Amino acid sequence: MPQPTDEPRVLHVNEQAGWRGGEQQMLYLAGGLRRRSVQTALVLQRGGPAVQKARAAGIAATELAMHGEADLGAALRIARIARAGGFNILHSHTAHAHMLVLLAARLWMANCRVVAHRRIEFPVGKRAFGLGRLKYRFGVDAYIAISNRVKETLMEAGVPEWRVFPVRSATNPRRFADAALDPTLRARLGIPEDAFVVGNIGALVGHKDHRTLLEACRIVRDTVPNTWVVIVGDGPLRQNILDKAQSLHMADRLVMTGFRWDVPQLIRTFDVFALSSSEEGMCSTLLETAASGCPIVATDAGGVREAVLPGETGIIVPIRSPLALAQGMLQFVEDPQRARAMARRGKQRVLEQFNTDVLTERTLAVYRRILRHEVGPDRPVGFFPN
């Protein structure tokens, strides 16, 4: 018996070789779909950590060497995998996978629908002559934007409002809420037990603006001498960050852990989490931190206000302002009761609104609207309420 046309059968595509927030979000979604008996599989970069993570979670994953967005051979292979599996939706999770999926669907599989996930705030199509924008104008049935700000960037590039569905990122909140404190972790990191620890988690790239973070912590240290900074993550700017810490005489109070899998335990060692980014789609790390019950001070970048409610679940400060970021942290030092109250509210909000069930159900609703031909100019989508 043929399957109903509005029953999604989803093939996810991600060509990234590493493991960052987008890969974790994809796996959360694929796992949620699988638990609902939705036919689900992944095409992942050969040899990447996402392959092992997916298979460990019981999700079918095909390894494929993908060499950029113009890899016609990879696109053809994706089309063959989709045809063989009877998939009716191709869901891309990165900008390069977006083009590969378009090629697969439009050149070899005209009846397969395309969903493109957009997680970053960066303006669309910065290439010469605006060529990068072309793939956003044609061929995609629906976009999923992780925040109102990301939806706005797509609309600024010419994507119609009714084609962009806001579906916020999620986390596994219990993994962070239930994480046990490791009483030896600070000592193993070389941090005194009585230190005031400022934590930051993310790739070591420009838009995370670690320069502002270090300058802010230098200011905090003038008031709280035993201030330490823990930066979790890897990236091309590692040496730049070390050099900046040296110039600020902060190198003796900086711990750079590199990439770690024990993030829930690490967050437990922080007294405050400080996000210094100048651009963010939303930042799923903020959800993990909030679920852990850690106070948050964050810059007002992109969709951050959708993860942290200003003055209610955390403190929001202007971007690129070390003084404002430092003052936010010092507010928590001076009023720890307020810090605990904000952290409690943030934790409860994440537990209720940012779990994988919410992510899965809202994404399923997008799939079904596409398959039922319910996406069009006469059906506006709207934004998340503030």
Protein backbone atom coordinates (compact mmCIF):
# COMPACT_ATOMS: atom_id res chain seq x y z
CA MET A 1 0.00 0.00 0.00
CA PRO A 2 1.49 3.42 -0.92
CA GLN A 3 2.35 5.71 1.96
CA PRO A 4 0.28 8.91 2.45
CA THR A 5 1.89 11.85 0.70
CA ASP A 6 1.87 13.93 3.88
CA GLU A 7 3.90 11.38 5.87
CA PRO A 8 7.47 12.70 5.98
CA ARG A 9 10.37 10.44 5.06
CA VAL A 10 13.41 12.56 5.77
CA LEU A 11 17.02 12.38 4.63
CA HIS A 12 19.25 14.87 6.49
CA VAL A 13 22.49 16.11 4.89
CA ASN A 14 25.46 17.73 6.65
CA GLU A 15 28.91 17.98 5.04
CA GLN A 16 30.80 19.31 8.08
CA ALA A 17 33.89 17.40 9.17
CA GLY A 18 33.75 18.56 12.80
CA TRP A 19 31.29 18.62 15.67
CA ARG A 20 29.62 21.89 16.68
CA GLY A 21 26.20 23.06 17.73
CA GLY A 22 24.59 22.53 14.33
CA GLU A 23 25.59 18.88 14.25
CA GLN A 24 24.21 18.36 17.76
CA GLN A 25 20.92 20.03 16.77
CA MET A 26 20.64 17.78 13.72
CA LEU A 27 21.15 14.71 15.88
CA TYR A 28 18.56 15.91 18.42
CA LEU A 29 16.05 16.29 15.59
CA ALA A 30 16.86 12.98 13.91
CA GLY A 31 16.54 11.19 17.24
CA GLY A 32 13.19 12.83 17.93
CA LEU A 33 11.88 11.82 14.51
CA ARG A 34 13.08 8.25 14.98
CA ARG A 35 11.29 8.00 18.33
CA ARG A 36 8.09 9.01 16.52
CA SER A 37 8.60 6.26 13.93
CA VAL A 38 9.30 8.79 11.16
CA GLN A 39 11.58 7.29 8.52
CA THR A 40 14.85 9.13 9.09
CA ALA A 41 18.45 8.81 7.90
CA LEU A 42 21.54 10.98 7.58
CA VAL A 43 24.22 11.62 4.97
CA LEU A 44 27.36 12.79 6.75
CA GLN A 45 30.93 13.72 5.92
CA ARG A 46 33.11 10.63 5.68
CA GLY A 47 35.17 10.06 8.83
CA GLY A 48 33.54 12.84 10.84
CA PRO A 49 32.54 12.46 14.49
CA ALA A 50 28.86 12.88 13.62
CA VAL A 51 28.87 9.44 11.98
CA GLN A 52 29.83 7.65 15.18
CA LYS A 53 27.48 9.77 17.28
CA ALA A 54 24.54 9.03 14.95
CA ARG A 55 25.17 5.29 14.83
CA ALA A 56 25.60 5.14 18.60
CA ALA A 57 22.14 6.72 18.84
CA GLY A 58 20.70 4.06 16.52
CA ILE A 59 20.20 6.45 13.56
CA ALA A 60 21.05 5.24 10.06
CA ALA A 61 23.99 7.23 8.68
CA THR A 62 25.76 7.04 5.33
CA GLU A 63 29.33 8.32 5.08
CA LEU A 64 30.02 10.32 1.94
CA ALA A 65 33.02 12.40 0.91
CA MET A 66 31.59 15.85 0.13
CA HIS A 67 33.99 18.43 -1.31
CA GLY A 68 32.19 21.74 -1.10
CA GLU A 69 28.84 22.84 -2.42
CA ALA A 70 29.67 22.35 -6.12
CA ASP A 71 30.45 18.64 -5.74
CA LEU A 72 28.18 17.20 -8.44
CA GLY A 73 29.30 13.66 -7.71
CA ALA A 74 28.24 14.00 -4.06
CA ALA A 75 24.92 15.53 -5.10
CA LEU A 76 24.27 12.60 -7.46
CA ARG A 77 25.09 10.13 -4.69
CA ILE A 78 22.70 11.94 -2.32
CA ALA A 79 19.97 11.66 -4.96
CA ARG A 80 20.59 7.94 -5.35
CA ILE A 81 20.45 7.40 -1.57
CA ALA A 82 17.18 9.34 -1.42
CA ARG A 83 15.63 7.39 -4.28
CA ALA A 84 16.71 4.03 -2.87
CA GLY A 85 15.27 4.90 0.55
CA GLY A 86 12.02 6.37 -0.75
CA PHE A 87 12.62 9.72 0.98
CA ASN A 88 10.32 12.60 0.09
CA ILE A 89 12.17 15.38 2.00
CA LEU A 90 15.81 16.38 1.76
CA HIS A 91 16.79 18.49 4.79
CA SER A 92 20.09 20.38 4.63
CA HIS A 93 21.78 21.54 7.83
CA THR A 94 24.59 23.77 6.49
CA ALA A 95 25.08 26.30 3.71
CA HIS A 96 27.13 23.90 1.57
CA ALA A 97 24.72 21.02 2.18
CA HIS A 98 21.97 23.42 1.06
CA MET A 99 23.43 23.56 -2.44
CA LEU A 100 24.16 19.83 -2.58
CA VAL A 101 20.55 19.07 -1.65
CA LEU A 102 19.25 21.55 -4.23
CA LEU A 103 21.31 19.88 -6.93
CA ALA A 104 20.20 16.43 -5.85
CA ALA A 105 16.53 17.35 -5.77
CA ARG A 106 16.26 19.58 -8.81
CA LEU A 107 18.61 17.80 -11.22
CA TRP A 108 17.78 14.18 -10.42
CA MET A 109 14.73 14.04 -8.12
CA ALA A 110 12.09 16.56 -9.16
CA ASN A 111 9.47 15.10 -6.82
CA CYS A 112 11.55 15.44 -3.61
CA ARG A 113 10.92 18.48 -1.40
CA VAL A 114 13.75 20.59 0.05
CA VAL A 115 14.07 22.05 3.54
CA ALA A 116 17.08 24.24 4.40
CA HIS A 117 18.05 24.89 8.02
CA ARG A 118 19.63 28.27 8.72
CA ARG A 119 21.41 28.72 12.06
CA ILE A 120 23.66 31.74 11.56
CA GLU A 121 23.03 35.46 11.60
CA PHE A 122 25.56 36.29 8.88
CA PRO A 123 24.08 38.15 5.89
CA VAL A 124 23.16 35.85 3.03
CA GLY A 125 25.14 35.91 -0.21
CA LYS A 126 28.31 37.93 0.35
CA ARG A 127 29.92 36.58 -2.81
CA ALA A 128 30.81 38.74 -5.78
CA PHE A 129 27.83 39.88 -7.85
CA GLY A 130 25.49 38.38 -5.23
CA LEU A 131 25.89 34.86 -6.64
CA GLY A 132 25.66 33.40 -3.15
CA ARG A 133 22.07 34.60 -2.95
CA LEU A 134 20.86 32.63 -5.92
CA LYS A 135 20.43 29.39 -4.02
CA TYR A 136 18.18 31.24 -1.56
CA ARG A 137 15.89 32.46 -4.34
CA PHE A 138 15.09 29.18 -6.08
CA GLY A 139 14.31 25.57 -5.31
CA VAL A 140 13.80 25.50 -1.53
CA ASP A 141 10.29 24.61 -0.37
CA ALA A 142 10.77 25.87 3.18
CA TYR A 143 13.47 27.32 5.40
CA ILE A 144 13.79 26.67 9.10
CA ALA A 145 15.31 29.61 11.00
CA ILE A 146 16.43 29.12 14.58
CA SER A 147 15.46 32.64 15.67
CA ASN A 148 13.55 35.71 14.57
CA ARG A 149 16.85 37.43 13.70
CA VAL A 150 17.89 34.57 11.41
CA LYS A 151 14.50 34.76 9.71
CA GLU A 152 15.06 38.48 9.17
CA THR A 153 18.43 37.85 7.47
CA LEU A 154 16.75 35.45 5.04
CA MET A 155 14.01 37.95 4.29
CA GLU A 156 16.64 40.65 3.73
CA ALA A 157 18.12 38.36 1.06
CA GLY A 158 14.77 38.17 -0.73
CA VAL A 159 13.27 34.99 0.71
CA PRO A 160 9.49 35.47 1.17
CA GLU A 161 8.25 35.66 4.76
CA TRP A 162 5.84 32.78 4.23
CA ARG A 163 8.66 30.43 3.27
CA VAL A 164 10.65 30.87 6.52
CA PHE A 165 9.49 28.94 9.59
CA PRO A 166 11.03 29.90 12.93
CA VAL A 167 11.86 26.76 14.91
CA ARG A 168 14.16 27.43 17.81
CA SER A 169 17.11 25.24 18.69
CA ALA A 170 16.80 22.83 21.58
CA THR A 171 18.88 20.93 24.07
CA ASN A 172 18.64 17.80 26.15
CA PRO A 173 17.98 19.80 29.32
CA ARG A 174 18.03 16.88 31.73
CA ARG A 175 21.58 16.00 30.65
CA PHE A 176 22.69 19.39 31.97
CA ALA A 177 20.22 19.84 34.82
CA ASP A 178 21.09 16.44 36.30
CA ALA A 179 24.86 16.60 35.79
CA ALA A 180 26.71 15.94 39.02
CA LEU A 181 29.30 18.35 40.33
CA ASP A 182 32.80 16.88 40.06
CA PRO A 183 34.58 18.18 43.18
CA THR A 184 37.99 17.45 41.66
CA LEU A 185 37.48 19.19 38.31
CA ARG A 186 38.66 22.66 39.33
CA ALA A 187 41.83 21.22 40.80
CA ARG A 188 42.46 19.17 37.64
CA LEU A 189 42.10 22.35 35.60
CA GLY A 190 44.58 24.10 37.90
CA ILE A 191 41.98 26.49 39.34
CA PRO A 192 41.75 27.28 43.08
CA GLU A 193 38.55 26.17 44.77
CA ASP A 194 37.81 29.73 45.98
CA ALA A 195 38.27 31.32 42.53
CA PHE A 196 35.57 33.31 40.75
CA VAL A 197 35.33 31.40 37.47
CA VAL A 198 34.04 32.98 34.25
CA GLY A 199 33.20 30.34 31.65
CA ASN A 200 32.83 30.53 27.89
CA ILE A 201 32.10 27.69 25.43
CA GLY A 202 32.31 27.88 21.67
CA ALA A 203 34.48 27.71 18.58
CA LEU A 204 37.57 29.92 18.63
CA VAL A 205 36.48 32.07 15.68
CA GLY A 206 36.13 35.79 15.07
CA HIS A 207 32.45 36.35 15.73
CA LYS A 208 32.75 34.81 19.22
CA ASP A 209 34.86 37.91 20.07
CA HIS A 210 37.08 36.43 22.76
CA ARG A 211 39.04 39.70 22.78
CA THR A 212 36.05 41.43 24.40
CA LEU A 213 35.70 38.53 26.84
CA LEU A 214 39.31 38.78 28.01
CA GLU A 215 39.22 42.58 28.29
CA ALA A 216 36.02 42.33 30.36
CA CYS A 217 37.56 39.73 32.66
CA ARG A 218 40.60 41.96 33.11
CA ILE A 219 38.22 44.66 34.39
CA VAL A 220 36.45 42.18 36.68
CA ARG A 221 39.79 41.02 38.06
CA ASP A 222 40.52 44.57 39.26
CA THR A 223 37.53 44.19 41.61
CA VAL A 224 37.66 40.43 42.17
CA PRO A 225 41.38 39.57 42.19
CA ASN A 226 40.84 35.81 42.15
CA THR A 227 39.03 35.86 38.80
CA TRP A 228 39.80 33.01 36.38
CA VAL A 229 38.64 32.44 32.81
CA VAL A 230 37.84 29.03 31.28
CA ILE A 231 37.41 28.91 27.49
CA VAL A 232 36.14 25.60 26.12
CA GLY A 233 36.51 24.90 22.40
CA ASP A 234 38.93 24.73 19.49
CA GLY A 235 39.47 26.85 16.43
CA PRO A 236 41.89 28.87 14.30
CA LEU A 237 42.19 31.79 16.74
CA ARG A 238 43.58 29.83 19.68
CA GLN A 239 47.01 31.49 19.49
CA ASN A 240 45.48 34.95 19.04
CA ILE A 241 43.52 34.44 22.25
CA LEU A 242 46.62 33.31 24.11
CA ASP A 243 48.53 36.34 22.83
CA LYS A 244 45.73 38.68 23.90
CA ALA A 245 45.66 37.14 27.38
CA GLN A 246 49.43 37.63 27.62
CA SER A 247 49.15 41.30 26.66
CA LEU A 248 46.48 41.82 29.35
CA HIS A 249 48.54 39.98 31.97
CA MET A 250 45.74 37.41 32.16
CA ALA A 251 47.64 34.38 30.88
CA ASP A 252 48.16 33.07 34.42
CA ARG A 253 44.38 33.09 34.98
CA LEU A 254 43.28 31.61 31.65
CA VAL A 255 42.48 27.93 31.08
CA MET A 256 41.88 26.83 27.48
CA THR A 257 40.56 23.28 27.56
CA GLY A 258 40.22 22.60 23.84
CA PHE A 259 37.27 20.53 22.66
CA ARG A 260 35.64 18.56 25.49
CA TRP A 261 32.81 16.04 25.75
CA ASP A 262 32.25 16.67 29.49
CA VAL A 263 30.60 20.07 28.99
CA PRO A 264 27.81 19.48 31.58
CA GLN A 265 30.44 18.90 34.28
CA LEU A 266 32.53 21.85 33.13
CA ILE A 267 29.59 24.24 33.37
CA ARG A 268 29.20 23.17 36.99
CA THR A 269 32.63 24.68 37.70
CA PHE A 270 31.57 28.14 36.42
CA ASP A 271 30.32 30.91 38.69
CA VAL A 272 29.02 32.81 35.65
CA PHE A 273 28.81 32.12 31.94
CA ALA A 274 29.83 35.06 29.74
CA LEU A 275 28.94 35.12 26.05
CA SER A 276 30.91 37.79 24.18
CA SER A 277 29.78 37.12 20.59
CA SER A 278 29.21 39.89 18.06
CA GLU A 279 26.96 37.64 15.91
CA GLU A 280 24.80 34.66 16.89
CA GLY A 281 21.88 32.85 15.32
CA MET A 282 20.67 32.11 18.83
CA CYS A 283 23.47 30.12 20.55
CA SER A 284 22.39 26.72 21.78
CA THR A 285 25.19 26.82 24.37
CA LEU A 286 23.11 29.39 26.25
CA LEU A 287 20.33 26.79 26.52
CA GLU A 288 22.75 24.22 27.93
CA THR A 289 24.12 26.74 30.40
CA ALA A 290 20.66 27.80 31.51
CA ALA A 291 19.60 24.16 31.95
CA SER A 292 22.63 23.75 34.22
CA GLY A 293 21.40 26.58 36.47
CA CYS A 294 24.42 28.80 35.80
CA PRO A 295 23.95 32.62 35.77
CA ILE A 296 24.38 34.14 32.30
CA VAL A 297 25.69 37.47 31.03
CA ALA A 298 25.47 37.69 27.24
CA THR A 299 26.00 40.22 24.49
CA ASP A 300 22.99 41.40 22.51
CA ALA A 301 23.92 39.52 19.33
CA GLY A 302 21.40 38.19 16.81
CA GLY A 303 18.86 35.89 18.44
CA VAL A 304 20.46 35.84 21.91
CA ARG A 305 17.42 37.60 23.41
CA GLU A 306 15.33 34.60 22.45
CA ALA A 307 17.56 32.29 24.50
CA VAL A 308 18.06 34.68 27.42
CA LEU A 309 15.26 37.04 28.47
CA PRO A 310 16.88 40.36 29.47
CA GLY A 311 16.62 41.05 33.18
CA GLU A 312 14.56 37.91 33.75
CA THR A 313 16.73 34.89 32.97
CA GLY A 314 20.04 36.69 32.47
CA ILE A 315 21.77 40.01 31.80
CA ILE A 316 22.09 41.27 28.22
CA VAL A 317 24.74 43.89 27.36
CA PRO A 318 25.81 45.64 24.12
CA ILE A 319 28.19 43.83 21.79
CA ARG A 320 31.89 44.77 21.65
CA SER A 321 31.78 46.53 25.02
CA PRO A 322 34.22 45.01 27.53
CA LEU A 323 33.07 47.48 30.19
CA ALA A 324 29.40 46.56 29.82
CA LEU A 325 30.20 42.83 29.88
CA ALA A 326 32.33 43.31 33.00
CA GLN A 327 29.62 45.35 34.71
CA GLY A 328 27.12 42.60 34.01
CA MET A 329 29.34 40.02 35.67
CA LEU A 330 30.01 42.31 38.63
CA GLN A 331 26.26 42.71 39.17
CA PHE A 332 26.13 38.99 39.91
CA VAL A 333 29.14 39.26 42.21
CA GLU A 334 27.47 42.04 44.17
CA ASP A 335 24.02 40.43 44.24
CA PRO A 336 24.35 36.62 44.25
CA GLN A 337 20.70 36.23 45.26
CA ARG A 338 19.61 37.95 42.04
CA ALA A 339 22.00 35.73 40.09
CA ARG A 340 20.47 32.60 41.59
CA ALA A 341 16.92 33.82 40.92
CA MET A 342 17.67 34.53 37.24
CA ALA A 343 19.38 31.17 36.89
CA ARG A 344 16.36 29.37 38.37
CA ARG A 345 13.97 31.07 35.96
CA GLY A 346 16.27 30.36 33.02
CA LYS A 347 16.52 26.70 33.92
CA GLN A 348 12.75 26.30 34.18
CA ARG A 349 12.18 28.05 30.85
CA VAL A 350 14.62 25.77 29.04
CA LEU A 351 13.13 22.65 30.61
CA GLU A 352 9.67 23.66 29.38
CA GLN A 353 10.30 25.36 26.03
CA PHE A 354 13.63 24.24 24.57
CA ASN A 355 13.57 20.46 24.82
CA THR A 356 13.89 18.06 21.90
CA ASP A 357 10.19 17.22 21.89
CA VAL A 358 9.32 20.84 21.06
CA LEU A 359 12.00 20.94 18.33
CA THR A 360 10.75 17.72 16.77
CA GLU A 361 7.04 18.54 16.81
CA ARG A 362 7.55 22.00 15.29
CA THR A 363 9.79 20.63 12.57
CA LEU A 364 7.32 17.85 11.78
CA ALA A 365 4.63 20.51 11.37
CA VAL A 366 6.81 22.21 8.73
CA TYR A 367 7.37 18.95 6.85
CA ARG A 368 3.64 18.20 6.79
CA ARG A 369 2.72 21.67 5.56
CA ILE A 370 5.14 21.27 2.67
CA LEU A 371 3.82 17.85 1.72
CA ARG A 372 0.22 19.07 1.92
CA HIS A 373 1.04 22.07 -0.32
CA GLU A 374 0.18 24.46 2.51
CA VAL A 375 3.13 26.82 2.00
CA GLY A 376 2.40 29.97 0.01
CA PRO A 377 1.83 33.73 0.02
CA ASP A 378 -1.72 33.27 1.28
CA ARG A 379 -0.40 31.48 4.42
CA PRO A 380 1.90 33.82 6.36
CA VAL A 381 4.12 32.20 8.98
CA GLY A 382 4.96 35.08 11.33
CA PHE A 383 7.61 35.35 14.04
CA PHE A 384 8.06 34.08 17.56
CA PRO A 385 6.51 36.52 20.03
CA ASN A 386 9.15 38.32 22.11
